Amino acid sequence: MINIKLFTPQLKPTQVEKEDIADFLFEHLGEFGDPKPDIEKCISYALKESPSHGGFILVSKDDDTITGSVIINKTGMEGYIPENILVYIATHKGFRGRGIGKELMKKALEIAEGDVALHVEPNNPAKFLYEKIGFSSKYLEMRFQQKR
């Protein structure tokens, strides 16, 4: 049984826990991750510490070691756009292959109200887990970034 803790806008982590989650995701997402400030923004969004629709964070631990984490943000939309987006999910490099990612994903889908979307790189090995759980590839995502 995996020990999973839930954080929400009503049940917030401490500042140290938030920093630990951001550090964990930055390290263990590896090549599929984002800069740490973006991860921190996602955490802030999920906890409604910035203007947002909120979301939640799940963290699994083995004693004091974070073994996995997932962050779901609510989109504020319904139907034509899924109500939730799974922004980050990662398993500790030393704990991979033990079903932690699968358990976190199942718990996240159980907690999320409404449909859940996620973005995954085609060469990310986690893609097979997502497909096994029931995610399908409906669209090819394209992005345009404004010059800043």
N, C-alpha and C. Protein backbone atom coordinates (compact mmCIF):
# COMPACT_ATOMS: atom_id res chain seq x y z
N MET A 1 0.84 -1.19 0.00
CA MET A 1 0.00 0.00 0.00
C MET A 1 0.88 1.25 0.00
N ILE A 2 0.59 2.15 -0.88
CA ILE A 2 1.37 3.37 -1.02
C ILE A 2 0.72 4.47 -0.18
N ASN A 3 1.55 5.19 0.58
CA ASN A 3 1.07 6.29 1.42
C ASN A 3 0.97 7.54 0.55
N ILE A 4 -0.27 7.99 0.27
CA ILE A 4 -0.50 9.16 -0.58
C ILE A 4 -1.19 10.25 0.23
N LYS A 5 -0.63 11.47 0.14
CA LYS A 5 -1.21 12.62 0.83
C LYS A 5 -1.80 13.58 -0.20
N LEU A 6 -2.98 14.12 0.11
CA LEU A 6 -3.69 15.05 -0.76
C LEU A 6 -3.56 16.47 -0.23
N PHE A 7 -3.23 17.39 -1.15
CA PHE A 7 -3.21 18.81 -0.84
C PHE A 7 -4.20 19.51 -1.76
N THR A 8 -4.98 20.43 -1.19
CA THR A 8 -6.01 21.17 -1.93
C THR A 8 -5.95 22.64 -1.49
N PRO A 9 -6.74 23.52 -2.11
CA PRO A 9 -6.81 24.89 -1.62
C PRO A 9 -7.28 24.98 -0.16
N GLN A 10 -8.02 23.98 0.30
CA GLN A 10 -8.50 23.96 1.68
C GLN A 10 -7.53 23.25 2.62
N LEU A 11 -6.70 22.39 2.10
CA LEU A 11 -5.75 21.61 2.89
C LEU A 11 -4.36 21.78 2.29
N LYS A 12 -3.77 22.94 2.56
CA LYS A 12 -2.52 23.34 1.90
C LYS A 12 -1.29 22.73 2.56
N PRO A 13 -0.27 22.49 1.74
CA PRO A 13 1.01 22.06 2.31
C PRO A 13 1.70 23.26 2.96
N THR A 14 2.67 22.97 3.81
CA THR A 14 3.48 24.05 4.38
C THR A 14 4.38 24.60 3.28
N GLN A 15 5.02 25.72 3.55
CA GLN A 15 5.96 26.30 2.58
C GLN A 15 7.10 25.32 2.28
N VAL A 16 7.58 24.65 3.31
CA VAL A 16 8.66 23.67 3.12
C VAL A 16 8.17 22.52 2.24
N GLU A 17 6.94 22.03 2.48
CA GLU A 17 6.39 20.95 1.66
C GLU A 17 6.25 21.39 0.19
N LYS A 18 5.79 22.63 -0.02
CA LYS A 18 5.67 23.15 -1.40
C LYS A 18 7.04 23.18 -2.08
N GLU A 19 8.03 23.65 -1.37
CA GLU A 19 9.39 23.69 -1.93
C GLU A 19 9.90 22.28 -2.22
N ASP A 20 9.61 21.35 -1.32
CA ASP A 20 10.03 19.95 -1.53
C ASP A 20 9.36 19.35 -2.77
N ILE A 21 8.08 19.65 -2.96
CA ILE A 21 7.35 19.15 -4.12
C ILE A 21 7.94 19.73 -5.40
N ALA A 22 8.18 21.03 -5.41
CA ALA A 22 8.76 21.68 -6.60
C ALA A 22 10.15 21.11 -6.90
N ASP A 23 10.98 20.96 -5.87
CA ASP A 23 12.32 20.39 -6.06
C ASP A 23 12.23 18.96 -6.59
N PHE A 24 11.32 18.17 -6.02
CA PHE A 24 11.14 16.79 -6.45
C PHE A 24 10.76 16.73 -7.93
N LEU A 25 9.74 17.49 -8.31
CA LEU A 25 9.28 17.46 -9.70
C LEU A 25 10.36 17.95 -10.65
N PHE A 26 11.05 19.01 -10.27
CA PHE A 26 12.11 19.54 -11.12
C PHE A 26 13.18 18.47 -11.36
N GLU A 27 13.55 17.76 -10.31
CA GLU A 27 14.60 16.74 -10.44
C GLU A 27 14.11 15.50 -11.18
N HIS A 28 12.95 15.00 -10.85
CA HIS A 28 12.53 13.68 -11.34
C HIS A 28 11.72 13.70 -12.63
N LEU A 29 11.28 14.88 -13.08
CA LEU A 29 10.67 14.96 -14.41
C LEU A 29 11.74 14.88 -15.49
N GLY A 30 12.95 15.25 -15.14
CA GLY A 30 14.07 15.15 -16.07
C GLY A 30 13.82 15.91 -17.36
N GLU A 31 14.13 15.26 -18.47
CA GLU A 31 14.03 15.91 -19.78
C GLU A 31 12.59 16.29 -20.15
N PHE A 32 11.61 15.73 -19.45
CA PHE A 32 10.21 16.01 -19.77
C PHE A 32 9.63 17.09 -18.86
N GLY A 33 10.48 17.71 -18.06
CA GLY A 33 10.02 18.71 -17.10
C GLY A 33 10.11 20.13 -17.61
N ASP A 34 9.83 21.03 -16.70
CA ASP A 34 9.82 22.47 -16.96
C ASP A 34 10.77 23.15 -15.99
N PRO A 35 11.07 24.43 -16.26
CA PRO A 35 11.87 25.18 -15.30
C PRO A 35 11.15 25.23 -13.94
N LYS A 36 11.93 25.27 -12.89
CA LYS A 36 11.36 25.26 -11.53
C LYS A 36 10.35 26.37 -11.30
N PRO A 37 10.56 27.61 -11.80
CA PRO A 37 9.54 28.65 -11.59
C PRO A 37 8.18 28.27 -12.20
N ASP A 38 8.17 27.54 -13.31
CA ASP A 38 6.90 27.10 -13.90
C ASP A 38 6.22 26.06 -13.02
N ILE A 39 7.00 25.18 -12.44
CA ILE A 39 6.45 24.16 -11.52
C ILE A 39 5.86 24.87 -10.30
N GLU A 40 6.55 25.87 -9.79
CA GLU A 40 6.05 26.63 -8.64
C GLU A 40 4.75 27.34 -8.98
N LYS A 41 4.62 27.88 -10.20
CA LYS A 41 3.38 28.53 -10.63
C LYS A 41 2.24 27.51 -10.67
N CYS A 42 2.53 26.32 -11.15
CA CYS A 42 1.52 25.26 -11.22
C CYS A 42 1.03 24.90 -9.82
N ILE A 43 1.95 24.79 -8.88
CA ILE A 43 1.59 24.49 -7.49
C ILE A 43 0.70 25.61 -6.94
N SER A 44 1.09 26.85 -7.18
CA SER A 44 0.33 28.00 -6.72
C SER A 44 -1.08 28.00 -7.33
N TYR A 45 -1.18 27.65 -8.61
CA TYR A 45 -2.47 27.59 -9.29
C TYR A 45 -3.35 26.52 -8.64
N ALA A 46 -2.79 25.33 -8.43
CA ALA A 46 -3.56 24.22 -7.85
C ALA A 46 -4.09 24.57 -6.47
N LEU A 47 -3.32 25.34 -5.72
CA LEU A 47 -3.70 25.69 -4.35
C LEU A 47 -4.46 27.01 -4.25
N LYS A 48 -4.77 27.62 -5.40
CA LYS A 48 -5.49 28.90 -5.50
C LYS A 48 -4.77 30.01 -4.76
N GLU A 49 -3.45 29.99 -4.81
CA GLU A 49 -2.66 31.05 -4.22
C GLU A 49 -2.44 32.18 -5.23
N SER A 50 -2.85 31.93 -6.44
CA SER A 50 -2.89 32.94 -7.50
C SER A 50 -4.26 32.80 -8.13
N PRO A 51 -4.72 33.82 -8.88
CA PRO A 51 -6.05 33.70 -9.49
C PRO A 51 -6.14 32.41 -10.34
N SER A 52 -7.10 31.55 -9.98
CA SER A 52 -7.21 30.27 -10.67
C SER A 52 -8.51 29.58 -10.31
N HIS A 53 -8.71 28.44 -10.95
CA HIS A 53 -9.85 27.58 -10.63
C HIS A 53 -9.44 26.51 -9.63
N GLY A 54 -8.14 26.46 -9.27
CA GLY A 54 -7.67 25.51 -8.28
C GLY A 54 -7.30 24.17 -8.87
N GLY A 55 -7.29 23.18 -8.03
CA GLY A 55 -6.91 21.84 -8.40
C GLY A 55 -6.46 21.09 -7.16
N PHE A 56 -5.52 20.16 -7.33
CA PHE A 56 -5.01 19.43 -6.18
C PHE A 56 -3.65 18.83 -6.49
N ILE A 57 -2.97 18.44 -5.43
CA ILE A 57 -1.65 17.83 -5.51
C ILE A 57 -1.69 16.54 -4.70
N LEU A 58 -1.12 15.50 -5.26
CA LEU A 58 -0.94 14.25 -4.53
C LEU A 58 0.56 14.01 -4.38
N VAL A 59 0.95 13.53 -3.20
CA VAL A 59 2.36 13.23 -2.93
C VAL A 59 2.42 11.86 -2.24
N SER A 60 3.23 10.98 -2.79
CA SER A 60 3.46 9.70 -2.12
C SER A 60 4.83 9.75 -1.45
N LYS A 61 4.93 9.07 -0.31
CA LYS A 61 6.18 9.09 0.45
C LYS A 61 6.53 7.70 0.96
N ASP A 62 7.82 7.49 1.12
CA ASP A 62 8.38 6.34 1.81
C ASP A 62 9.20 6.94 2.93
N ASP A 63 8.70 6.87 4.15
CA ASP A 63 9.28 7.60 5.28
C ASP A 63 9.28 9.09 4.94
N ASP A 64 10.45 9.72 4.91
CA ASP A 64 10.51 11.15 4.60
C ASP A 64 10.87 11.44 3.15
N THR A 65 10.97 10.40 2.33
CA THR A 65 11.36 10.57 0.94
C THR A 65 10.13 10.63 0.05
N ILE A 66 10.00 11.70 -0.74
CA ILE A 66 8.92 11.78 -1.72
C ILE A 66 9.23 10.74 -2.81
N THR A 67 8.27 9.86 -3.06
CA THR A 67 8.45 8.83 -4.08
C THR A 67 7.68 9.13 -5.36
N GLY A 68 6.72 10.06 -5.27
CA GLY A 68 5.96 10.43 -6.45
C GLY A 68 5.06 11.62 -6.17
N SER A 69 4.68 12.28 -7.24
CA SER A 69 3.77 13.42 -7.09
C SER A 69 3.02 13.65 -8.38
N VAL A 70 1.82 14.16 -8.24
CA VAL A 70 0.99 14.54 -9.39
C VAL A 70 0.30 15.85 -9.06
N ILE A 71 0.19 16.71 -10.07
CA ILE A 71 -0.55 17.97 -9.91
C ILE A 71 -1.61 18.05 -10.99
N ILE A 72 -2.84 18.28 -10.56
CA ILE A 72 -3.98 18.48 -11.45
C ILE A 72 -4.48 19.91 -11.26
N ASN A 73 -4.64 20.63 -12.35
CA ASN A 73 -5.22 21.97 -12.32
C ASN A 73 -6.60 21.91 -12.96
N LYS A 74 -7.55 22.61 -12.37
CA LYS A 74 -8.89 22.72 -12.96
C LYS A 74 -8.83 23.77 -14.07
N THR A 75 -9.53 23.51 -15.17
CA THR A 75 -9.51 24.44 -16.31
C THR A 75 -10.62 25.48 -16.23
N GLY A 76 -11.66 25.18 -15.49
CA GLY A 76 -12.80 26.10 -15.45
C GLY A 76 -13.72 25.92 -16.65
N MET A 77 -13.48 24.90 -17.44
CA MET A 77 -14.30 24.62 -18.62
C MET A 77 -14.95 23.26 -18.48
N GLU A 78 -15.82 22.93 -19.41
CA GLU A 78 -16.53 21.66 -19.33
C GLU A 78 -16.94 21.22 -20.72
N GLY A 79 -16.80 19.93 -20.98
CA GLY A 79 -17.29 19.37 -22.23
C GLY A 79 -16.32 19.49 -23.38
N TYR A 80 -16.30 20.65 -24.03
CA TYR A 80 -15.44 20.79 -25.20
C TYR A 80 -13.97 20.86 -24.81
N ILE A 81 -13.68 21.28 -23.60
CA ILE A 81 -12.34 21.25 -23.02
C ILE A 81 -12.49 20.48 -21.70
N PRO A 82 -11.64 19.49 -21.44
CA PRO A 82 -11.77 18.77 -20.17
C PRO A 82 -11.71 19.70 -18.95
N GLU A 83 -12.40 19.29 -17.92
CA GLU A 83 -12.48 20.09 -16.69
C GLU A 83 -11.14 20.17 -15.95
N ASN A 84 -10.27 19.22 -16.20
CA ASN A 84 -9.00 19.13 -15.49
C ASN A 84 -7.86 18.87 -16.46
N ILE A 85 -6.67 19.33 -16.08
CA ILE A 85 -5.47 18.99 -16.83
C ILE A 85 -4.44 18.46 -15.86
N LEU A 86 -3.94 17.28 -16.16
CA LEU A 86 -2.87 16.71 -15.37
C LEU A 86 -1.59 17.38 -15.88
N VAL A 87 -1.02 18.25 -15.06
CA VAL A 87 0.12 19.04 -15.50
C VAL A 87 1.42 18.29 -15.27
N TYR A 88 1.57 17.69 -14.08
CA TYR A 88 2.81 16.99 -13.76
C TYR A 88 2.52 15.67 -13.06
N ILE A 89 3.29 14.66 -13.41
CA ILE A 89 3.33 13.41 -12.66
C ILE A 89 4.75 12.88 -12.79
N ALA A 90 5.31 12.49 -11.65
CA ALA A 90 6.67 11.97 -11.65
C ALA A 90 6.83 10.95 -10.53
N THR A 91 7.69 10.00 -10.77
CA THR A 91 8.08 9.01 -9.78
C THR A 91 9.57 9.16 -9.52
N HIS A 92 9.95 9.03 -8.27
CA HIS A 92 11.36 9.11 -7.87
C HIS A 92 12.16 8.08 -8.68
N LYS A 93 13.29 8.52 -9.21
CA LYS A 93 14.13 7.65 -10.05
C LYS A 93 14.48 6.34 -9.35
N GLY A 94 14.67 6.39 -8.05
CA GLY A 94 15.04 5.19 -7.29
C GLY A 94 13.88 4.28 -6.94
N PHE A 95 12.66 4.71 -7.24
CA PHE A 95 11.46 3.93 -6.88
C PHE A 95 10.64 3.54 -8.10
N ARG A 96 11.16 3.75 -9.28
CA ARG A 96 10.39 3.43 -10.50
C ARG A 96 10.22 1.92 -10.64
N GLY A 97 9.14 1.54 -11.31
CA GLY A 97 8.86 0.12 -11.53
C GLY A 97 8.13 -0.54 -10.38
N ARG A 98 7.68 0.23 -9.41
CA ARG A 98 6.99 -0.33 -8.23
C ARG A 98 5.50 -0.03 -8.23
N GLY A 99 4.99 0.58 -9.31
CA GLY A 99 3.56 0.88 -9.40
C GLY A 99 3.15 2.19 -8.77
N ILE A 100 4.10 3.00 -8.34
CA ILE A 100 3.76 4.27 -7.69
C ILE A 100 3.07 5.21 -8.66
N GLY A 101 3.60 5.36 -9.87
CA GLY A 101 2.99 6.23 -10.86
C GLY A 101 1.56 5.80 -11.18
N LYS A 102 1.36 4.51 -11.32
CA LYS A 102 0.03 3.98 -11.62
C LYS A 102 -0.94 4.27 -10.48
N GLU A 103 -0.50 4.07 -9.24
CA GLU A 103 -1.36 4.34 -8.08
C GLU A 103 -1.69 5.83 -7.97
N LEU A 104 -0.70 6.68 -8.20
CA LEU A 104 -0.95 8.12 -8.17
C LEU A 104 -1.95 8.52 -9.25
N MET A 105 -1.77 7.96 -10.45
CA MET A 105 -2.68 8.28 -11.55
C MET A 105 -4.10 7.82 -11.23
N LYS A 106 -4.24 6.61 -10.73
CA LYS A 106 -5.57 6.10 -10.39
C LYS A 106 -6.24 6.96 -9.31
N LYS A 107 -5.46 7.36 -8.29
CA LYS A 107 -6.01 8.20 -7.22
C LYS A 107 -6.40 9.57 -7.76
N ALA A 108 -5.57 10.14 -8.63
CA ALA A 108 -5.86 11.45 -9.22
C ALA A 108 -7.16 11.40 -10.03
N LEU A 109 -7.33 10.35 -10.82
CA LEU A 109 -8.54 10.22 -11.64
C LEU A 109 -9.77 10.01 -10.77
N GLU A 110 -9.59 9.35 -9.64
CA GLU A 110 -10.68 9.12 -8.70
C GLU A 110 -11.13 10.44 -8.05
N ILE A 111 -10.16 11.29 -7.74
CA ILE A 111 -10.46 12.56 -7.05
C ILE A 111 -10.97 13.63 -8.01
N ALA A 112 -10.43 13.66 -9.21
CA ALA A 112 -10.79 14.71 -10.19
C ALA A 112 -12.27 14.65 -10.51
N GLU A 113 -12.88 15.80 -10.54
CA GLU A 113 -14.29 15.87 -10.92
C GLU A 113 -14.35 16.27 -12.39
N GLY A 114 -14.80 15.35 -13.23
CA GLY A 114 -14.87 15.63 -14.67
C GLY A 114 -13.73 14.97 -15.43
N ASP A 115 -13.67 15.28 -16.72
CA ASP A 115 -12.65 14.70 -17.59
C ASP A 115 -11.28 15.27 -17.29
N VAL A 116 -10.25 14.51 -17.66
CA VAL A 116 -8.87 14.90 -17.42
C VAL A 116 -8.08 14.79 -18.72
N ALA A 117 -7.36 15.85 -19.04
CA ALA A 117 -6.47 15.84 -20.21
C ALA A 117 -5.03 15.90 -19.70
N LEU A 118 -4.12 15.49 -20.53
CA LEU A 118 -2.70 15.64 -20.23
C LEU A 118 -1.94 15.77 -21.53
N HIS A 119 -0.75 16.32 -21.44
CA HIS A 119 0.14 16.41 -22.59
C HIS A 119 1.31 15.49 -22.32
N VAL A 120 1.71 14.74 -23.33
CA VAL A 120 2.84 13.83 -23.17
C VAL A 120 3.65 13.85 -24.45
N GLU A 121 4.96 13.87 -24.29
CA GLU A 121 5.85 13.80 -25.45
C GLU A 121 5.75 12.41 -26.04
N PRO A 122 5.81 12.29 -27.37
CA PRO A 122 5.67 10.97 -28.01
C PRO A 122 6.72 9.95 -27.55
N ASN A 123 7.89 10.41 -27.15
CA ASN A 123 8.95 9.49 -26.74
C ASN A 123 9.02 9.29 -25.23
N ASN A 124 8.04 9.81 -24.48
CA ASN A 124 8.02 9.65 -23.04
C ASN A 124 7.51 8.24 -22.71
N PRO A 125 8.29 7.43 -21.98
CA PRO A 125 7.86 6.08 -21.64
C PRO A 125 6.54 6.04 -20.86
N ALA A 126 6.19 7.12 -20.16
CA ALA A 126 4.94 7.16 -19.40
C ALA A 126 3.72 7.11 -20.31
N LYS A 127 3.89 7.40 -21.58
CA LYS A 127 2.78 7.38 -22.54
C LYS A 127 2.07 6.03 -22.51
N PHE A 128 2.83 4.95 -22.34
CA PHE A 128 2.23 3.61 -22.32
C PHE A 128 1.37 3.40 -21.08
N LEU A 129 1.79 3.97 -19.94
CA LEU A 129 0.98 3.90 -18.73
C LEU A 129 -0.33 4.63 -18.95
N TYR A 130 -0.27 5.83 -19.53
CA TYR A 130 -1.48 6.61 -19.75
C TYR A 130 -2.46 5.85 -20.66
N GLU A 131 -1.94 5.26 -21.71
CA GLU A 131 -2.80 4.50 -22.63
C GLU A 131 -3.39 3.28 -21.93
N LYS A 132 -2.61 2.62 -21.11
CA LYS A 132 -3.08 1.43 -20.38
C LYS A 132 -4.22 1.78 -19.42
N ILE A 133 -4.14 2.97 -18.83
CA ILE A 133 -5.17 3.41 -17.89
C ILE A 133 -6.44 3.84 -18.62
N GLY A 134 -6.32 4.21 -19.90
CA GLY A 134 -7.51 4.58 -20.66
C GLY A 134 -7.44 5.91 -21.38
N PHE A 135 -6.32 6.63 -21.27
CA PHE A 135 -6.17 7.87 -22.02
C PHE A 135 -6.02 7.54 -23.50
N SER A 136 -6.58 8.39 -24.34
CA SER A 136 -6.42 8.23 -25.78
C SER A 136 -5.94 9.54 -26.37
N SER A 137 -5.35 9.44 -27.53
CA SER A 137 -4.81 10.61 -28.21
C SER A 137 -5.84 11.11 -29.20
N LYS A 138 -6.58 12.16 -28.81
CA LYS A 138 -7.64 12.68 -29.66
C LYS A 138 -7.13 13.76 -30.60
N TYR A 139 -6.14 14.53 -30.15
CA TYR A 139 -5.66 15.66 -30.93
C TYR A 139 -4.14 15.67 -30.99
N LEU A 140 -3.64 16.34 -32.00
CA LEU A 140 -2.24 16.71 -32.04
C LEU A 140 -2.20 18.14 -31.53
N GLU A 141 -1.42 18.39 -30.49
CA GLU A 141 -1.37 19.74 -29.94
C GLU A 141 -0.35 20.58 -30.69
N MET A 142 -0.75 21.78 -30.98
CA MET A 142 0.15 22.76 -31.59
C MET A 142 0.07 24.01 -30.73
N ARG A 143 1.19 24.72 -30.63
CA ARG A 143 1.21 25.94 -29.81
C ARG A 143 1.84 27.08 -30.58
N PHE A 144 1.34 28.26 -30.30
CA PHE A 144 1.96 29.48 -30.81
C PHE A 144 2.37 30.28 -29.58
N GLN A 145 3.62 30.65 -29.50
CA GLN A 145 4.09 31.44 -28.36
C GLN A 145 4.30 32.87 -28.78
N GLN A 146 3.67 33.77 -28.04
CA GLN A 146 3.82 35.19 -28.28
C GLN A 146 5.26 35.61 -27.99
N LYS A 147 5.77 36.51 -28.77
CA LYS A 147 7.10 37.05 -28.49
C LYS A 147 6.99 38.00 -27.31
N ARG A 148 7.85 37.85 -26.34
CA ARG A 148 7.79 38.68 -25.13
C ARG A 148 9.01 39.52 -25.03
